[in-house]
Amino acid sequence: MVSFEQFKEMEIKIGKVLEVEDVEGADRLYILTVDIGEETRKIVAGIKLWYSREDLVGKNVIVLANLQPRVIRGVESNGMVLATFNEDKFSVLTTDRDVPPGSRVS
């Protein structure tokens, strides 16, 4: 269990996927260039098995923006795109309306 105060420390924002690149030598990873309002970030995401690049460009996604950076396959990832996986179904979390990049999730 996390406290409400701990939850409030998490920066969960709407991001708009601007570009999608392959990670060299990785069959499950993409490098997403994501607009999160005040800046653009590179985020490495293991979603290649379920989404084509064309499916992702222009999509609003939910991003954990204040996650400590991590180097994955030589690429620095600055955030996490939230998704769900249950049995054989995978889905990136999105918005049901057009929401401006950088909007906070609360």
N, C-alpha and C. Protein backbone atom coordinates (compact mmCIF):
# COMPACT_ATOMS: atom_id res chain seq x y z
N MET A 1 0.84 -1.17 0.00
CA MET A 1 0.00 0.00 0.00
C MET A 1 0.89 1.25 0.00
N VAL A 2 0.47 2.22 -0.77
CA VAL A 2 1.15 3.51 -0.76
C VAL A 2 0.19 4.53 -0.18
N SER A 3 0.75 5.52 0.46
CA SER A 3 -0.09 6.57 1.03
C SER A 3 -0.52 7.52 -0.09
N PHE A 4 -1.53 8.33 0.20
CA PHE A 4 -1.96 9.33 -0.75
C PHE A 4 -0.83 10.32 -1.02
N GLU A 5 -0.05 10.64 -0.01
CA GLU A 5 1.09 11.54 -0.18
C GLU A 5 2.11 10.95 -1.15
N GLN A 6 2.37 9.64 -1.04
CA GLN A 6 3.29 8.99 -1.97
C GLN A 6 2.73 9.02 -3.40
N PHE A 7 1.45 8.76 -3.52
CA PHE A 7 0.81 8.79 -4.84
C PHE A 7 0.94 10.17 -5.48
N LYS A 8 0.73 11.23 -4.68
CA LYS A 8 0.80 12.59 -5.20
C LYS A 8 2.19 12.94 -5.74
N GLU A 9 3.23 12.23 -5.28
CA GLU A 9 4.59 12.48 -5.75
C GLU A 9 4.81 11.96 -7.18
N MET A 10 3.96 11.07 -7.62
CA MET A 10 4.10 10.52 -8.97
C MET A 10 3.56 11.52 -9.98
N GLU A 11 4.37 11.82 -11.01
CA GLU A 11 3.93 12.71 -12.09
C GLU A 11 3.42 11.84 -13.23
N ILE A 12 2.12 11.69 -13.29
CA ILE A 12 1.50 10.92 -14.37
C ILE A 12 0.87 11.93 -15.31
N LYS A 13 1.32 11.89 -16.57
CA LYS A 13 0.91 12.90 -17.53
C LYS A 13 0.45 12.28 -18.84
N ILE A 14 -0.26 13.10 -19.60
CA ILE A 14 -0.64 12.71 -20.96
C ILE A 14 0.54 13.05 -21.87
N GLY A 15 0.90 12.08 -22.70
CA GLY A 15 1.94 12.30 -23.68
C GLY A 15 1.43 11.99 -25.08
N LYS A 16 1.91 12.70 -26.07
CA LYS A 16 1.54 12.44 -27.46
C LYS A 16 2.76 11.85 -28.16
N VAL A 17 2.60 10.67 -28.75
CA VAL A 17 3.70 10.00 -29.44
C VAL A 17 3.96 10.72 -30.76
N LEU A 18 5.19 11.24 -30.91
CA LEU A 18 5.56 11.98 -32.11
C LEU A 18 6.31 11.11 -33.11
N GLU A 19 7.20 10.25 -32.62
CA GLU A 19 8.00 9.37 -33.48
C GLU A 19 8.18 8.03 -32.81
N VAL A 20 8.42 7.01 -33.64
CA VAL A 20 8.69 5.67 -33.13
C VAL A 20 9.86 5.10 -33.91
N GLU A 21 10.87 4.63 -33.18
CA GLU A 21 12.05 4.03 -33.80
C GLU A 21 12.27 2.64 -33.22
N ASP A 22 12.93 1.79 -34.00
CA ASP A 22 13.32 0.48 -33.50
C ASP A 22 14.56 0.62 -32.63
N VAL A 23 14.71 -0.28 -31.68
CA VAL A 23 15.94 -0.39 -30.91
C VAL A 23 16.76 -1.47 -31.60
N GLU A 24 17.96 -1.13 -31.99
CA GLU A 24 18.80 -2.06 -32.74
C GLU A 24 18.99 -3.36 -31.97
N GLY A 25 18.69 -4.47 -32.65
CA GLY A 25 18.88 -5.78 -32.06
C GLY A 25 17.81 -6.23 -31.09
N ALA A 26 16.76 -5.46 -30.92
CA ALA A 26 15.70 -5.81 -29.97
C ALA A 26 14.40 -6.06 -30.72
N ASP A 27 13.78 -7.22 -30.49
CA ASP A 27 12.55 -7.55 -31.20
C ASP A 27 11.28 -7.10 -30.48
N ARG A 28 11.41 -6.58 -29.27
CA ARG A 28 10.24 -6.16 -28.50
C ARG A 28 10.22 -4.66 -28.17
N LEU A 29 11.31 -3.96 -28.46
CA LEU A 29 11.44 -2.58 -27.98
C LEU A 29 11.33 -1.54 -29.07
N TYR A 30 10.67 -0.46 -28.71
CA TYR A 30 10.64 0.76 -29.52
C TYR A 30 11.24 1.90 -28.70
N ILE A 31 11.75 2.90 -29.40
CA ILE A 31 12.08 4.18 -28.77
C ILE A 31 10.99 5.14 -29.20
N LEU A 32 10.22 5.61 -28.24
CA LEU A 32 9.14 6.55 -28.51
C LEU A 32 9.62 7.96 -28.20
N THR A 33 9.39 8.89 -29.10
CA THR A 33 9.59 10.30 -28.82
C THR A 33 8.22 10.83 -28.43
N VAL A 34 8.11 11.29 -27.18
CA VAL A 34 6.81 11.64 -26.61
C VAL A 34 6.81 13.09 -26.14
N ASP A 35 5.83 13.86 -26.59
CA ASP A 35 5.61 15.23 -26.13
C ASP A 35 4.82 15.15 -24.84
N ILE A 36 5.42 15.62 -23.73
CA ILE A 36 4.69 15.63 -22.45
C ILE A 36 4.41 17.06 -21.99
N GLY A 37 4.23 17.95 -22.96
CA GLY A 37 3.87 19.33 -22.65
C GLY A 37 5.05 20.26 -22.66
N GLU A 38 5.75 20.34 -21.54
CA GLU A 38 6.86 21.28 -21.42
C GLU A 38 8.15 20.78 -22.06
N GLU A 39 8.18 19.50 -22.45
CA GLU A 39 9.36 18.93 -23.08
C GLU A 39 9.00 17.68 -23.88
N THR A 40 9.99 17.24 -24.66
CA THR A 40 9.86 16.00 -25.43
C THR A 40 10.84 15.01 -24.85
N ARG A 41 10.40 13.78 -24.67
CA ARG A 41 11.23 12.74 -24.05
C ARG A 41 11.37 11.53 -24.96
N LYS A 42 12.48 10.81 -24.78
CA LYS A 42 12.68 9.50 -25.38
C LYS A 42 12.34 8.47 -24.32
N ILE A 43 11.44 7.56 -24.66
CA ILE A 43 11.03 6.51 -23.73
C ILE A 43 11.15 5.17 -24.45
N VAL A 44 11.87 4.24 -23.85
CA VAL A 44 11.98 2.90 -24.40
C VAL A 44 10.81 2.08 -23.86
N ALA A 45 10.09 1.45 -24.78
CA ALA A 45 8.90 0.69 -24.38
C ALA A 45 8.88 -0.68 -25.06
N GLY A 46 8.58 -1.71 -24.29
CA GLY A 46 8.52 -3.07 -24.80
C GLY A 46 7.15 -3.41 -25.36
N ILE A 47 6.75 -2.72 -26.42
CA ILE A 47 5.40 -2.87 -26.96
C ILE A 47 5.38 -3.25 -28.44
N LYS A 48 6.53 -3.56 -28.99
CA LYS A 48 6.65 -3.80 -30.43
C LYS A 48 5.84 -5.02 -30.91
N LEU A 49 5.65 -6.00 -30.06
CA LEU A 49 4.90 -7.19 -30.47
C LEU A 49 3.42 -6.90 -30.70
N TRP A 50 2.91 -5.82 -30.11
CA TRP A 50 1.48 -5.53 -30.15
C TRP A 50 1.11 -4.31 -30.99
N TYR A 51 2.08 -3.44 -31.27
CA TYR A 51 1.78 -2.20 -31.98
C TYR A 51 2.78 -1.98 -33.11
N SER A 52 2.25 -1.54 -34.25
CA SER A 52 3.13 -1.08 -35.33
C SER A 52 3.49 0.37 -35.05
N ARG A 53 4.50 0.86 -35.72
CA ARG A 53 4.86 2.27 -35.56
C ARG A 53 3.70 3.17 -35.94
N GLU A 54 3.01 2.81 -37.02
CA GLU A 54 1.88 3.62 -37.50
C GLU A 54 0.74 3.67 -36.48
N ASP A 55 0.56 2.58 -35.72
CA ASP A 55 -0.48 2.55 -34.69
C ASP A 55 -0.20 3.54 -33.57
N LEU A 56 1.06 3.84 -33.33
CA LEU A 56 1.45 4.64 -32.17
C LEU A 56 1.60 6.13 -32.45
N VAL A 57 2.08 6.49 -33.64
CA VAL A 57 2.31 7.90 -33.94
C VAL A 57 0.99 8.67 -33.86
N GLY A 58 0.99 9.74 -33.08
CA GLY A 58 -0.20 10.56 -32.90
C GLY A 58 -1.08 10.13 -31.74
N LYS A 59 -0.80 8.99 -31.14
CA LYS A 59 -1.63 8.46 -30.05
C LYS A 59 -1.28 9.17 -28.73
N ASN A 60 -2.32 9.50 -27.96
CA ASN A 60 -2.13 9.97 -26.59
C ASN A 60 -1.88 8.75 -25.71
N VAL A 61 -0.84 8.82 -24.88
CA VAL A 61 -0.52 7.73 -23.96
C VAL A 61 -0.37 8.30 -22.56
N ILE A 62 -0.47 7.44 -21.58
CA ILE A 62 -0.29 7.83 -20.19
C ILE A 62 1.16 7.53 -19.81
N VAL A 63 1.86 8.55 -19.27
CA VAL A 63 3.29 8.45 -19.00
C VAL A 63 3.58 8.72 -17.53
N LEU A 64 4.38 7.85 -16.92
CA LEU A 64 4.94 8.15 -15.61
C LEU A 64 6.20 8.96 -15.89
N ALA A 65 6.11 10.28 -15.65
CA ALA A 65 7.13 11.20 -16.12
C ALA A 65 8.30 11.40 -15.16
N ASN A 66 8.11 11.13 -13.87
CA ASN A 66 9.21 11.36 -12.95
C ASN A 66 9.89 10.07 -12.49
N LEU A 67 9.85 9.07 -13.33
CA LEU A 67 10.59 7.83 -13.09
C LEU A 67 12.07 8.10 -13.35
N GLN A 68 12.92 7.59 -12.49
CA GLN A 68 14.36 7.79 -12.66
C GLN A 68 14.80 7.24 -14.02
N PRO A 69 15.62 7.99 -14.78
CA PRO A 69 16.08 7.51 -16.09
C PRO A 69 16.80 6.17 -15.96
N ARG A 70 16.69 5.38 -17.04
CA ARG A 70 17.30 4.05 -17.06
C ARG A 70 17.83 3.79 -18.46
N VAL A 71 19.00 3.22 -18.57
CA VAL A 71 19.56 2.87 -19.86
C VAL A 71 19.12 1.46 -20.21
N ILE A 72 18.46 1.34 -21.36
CA ILE A 72 17.96 0.05 -21.85
C ILE A 72 18.54 -0.17 -23.24
N ARG A 73 19.33 -1.22 -23.39
CA ARG A 73 19.97 -1.52 -24.68
C ARG A 73 20.75 -0.33 -25.22
N GLY A 74 21.40 0.40 -24.33
CA GLY A 74 22.22 1.53 -24.75
C GLY A 74 21.47 2.83 -24.98
N VAL A 75 20.16 2.83 -24.73
CA VAL A 75 19.34 4.01 -24.95
C VAL A 75 18.79 4.48 -23.60
N GLU A 76 18.97 5.77 -23.29
CA GLU A 76 18.42 6.30 -22.05
C GLU A 76 16.92 6.51 -22.19
N SER A 77 16.16 5.87 -21.30
CA SER A 77 14.71 6.00 -21.27
C SER A 77 14.34 6.95 -20.14
N ASN A 78 13.52 7.95 -20.46
CA ASN A 78 13.17 8.99 -19.49
C ASN A 78 11.68 9.00 -19.21
N GLY A 79 11.19 7.92 -18.64
CA GLY A 79 9.79 7.79 -18.30
C GLY A 79 9.31 6.39 -18.61
N MET A 80 8.02 6.17 -18.37
CA MET A 80 7.41 4.87 -18.66
C MET A 80 6.02 5.10 -19.23
N VAL A 81 5.75 4.44 -20.35
CA VAL A 81 4.40 4.44 -20.91
C VAL A 81 3.63 3.34 -20.19
N LEU A 82 2.50 3.70 -19.60
CA LEU A 82 1.72 2.72 -18.84
C LEU A 82 0.89 1.86 -19.76
N ALA A 83 0.80 0.59 -19.41
CA ALA A 83 0.06 -0.39 -20.22
C ALA A 83 -0.49 -1.47 -19.31
N THR A 84 -1.34 -2.29 -19.88
CA THR A 84 -1.88 -3.43 -19.15
C THR A 84 -1.72 -4.69 -19.98
N PHE A 85 -1.50 -5.80 -19.30
CA PHE A 85 -1.36 -7.09 -19.97
C PHE A 85 -2.10 -8.12 -19.15
N ASN A 86 -3.00 -8.84 -19.81
CA ASN A 86 -3.79 -9.86 -19.15
C ASN A 86 -3.95 -11.02 -20.11
N GLU A 87 -3.40 -12.16 -19.74
CA GLU A 87 -3.40 -13.35 -20.60
C GLU A 87 -2.78 -12.98 -21.95
N ASP A 88 -3.54 -12.97 -23.03
CA ASP A 88 -2.98 -12.66 -24.35
C ASP A 88 -3.36 -11.26 -24.82
N LYS A 89 -3.93 -10.45 -23.95
CA LYS A 89 -4.37 -9.11 -24.34
C LYS A 89 -3.45 -8.06 -23.74
N PHE A 90 -2.98 -7.16 -24.60
CA PHE A 90 -2.08 -6.09 -24.19
C PHE A 90 -2.65 -4.77 -24.67
N SER A 91 -2.57 -3.74 -23.86
CA SER A 91 -3.08 -2.44 -24.26
C SER A 91 -2.28 -1.32 -23.60
N VAL A 92 -1.84 -0.37 -24.41
CA VAL A 92 -1.26 0.86 -23.89
C VAL A 92 -2.41 1.70 -23.36
N LEU A 93 -2.23 2.32 -22.20
CA LEU A 93 -3.28 3.17 -21.65
C LEU A 93 -3.32 4.49 -22.42
N THR A 94 -4.52 4.88 -22.83
CA THR A 94 -4.72 6.08 -23.64
C THR A 94 -5.86 6.90 -23.05
N THR A 95 -6.16 8.00 -23.71
CA THR A 95 -7.29 8.84 -23.30
C THR A 95 -8.45 8.59 -24.25
N ASP A 96 -9.66 8.80 -23.78
CA ASP A 96 -10.83 8.62 -24.65
C ASP A 96 -11.22 9.91 -25.37
N ARG A 97 -10.53 11.00 -25.04
CA ARG A 97 -10.74 12.29 -25.71
C ARG A 97 -9.39 12.90 -26.02
N ASP A 98 -9.39 13.90 -26.88
CA ASP A 98 -8.15 14.59 -27.23
C ASP A 98 -7.79 15.54 -26.09
N VAL A 99 -6.75 15.20 -25.36
CA VAL A 99 -6.31 15.95 -24.19
C VAL A 99 -4.92 16.52 -24.50
N PRO A 100 -4.63 17.75 -24.15
CA PRO A 100 -3.32 18.34 -24.46
C PRO A 100 -2.17 17.59 -23.78
N PRO A 101 -1.06 17.39 -24.51
CA PRO A 101 0.13 16.79 -23.89
C PRO A 101 0.55 17.60 -22.66
N GLY A 102 0.98 16.89 -21.64
CA GLY A 102 1.40 17.53 -20.40
C GLY A 102 0.31 17.62 -19.35
N SER A 103 -0.93 17.34 -19.73
CA SER A 103 -2.02 17.36 -18.74
C SER A 103 -1.73 16.32 -17.66
N ARG A 104 -1.95 16.70 -16.42
CA ARG A 104 -1.70 15.78 -15.29
C ARG A 104 -2.87 14.82 -15.12
N VAL A 105 -2.53 13.59 -14.80
CA VAL A 105 -3.52 12.58 -14.45
C VAL A 105 -3.65 12.64 -12.93
N SER A 106 -4.89 12.73 -12.47
CA SER A 106 -5.11 12.80 -11.01
C SER A 106 -6.34 12.02 -10.64
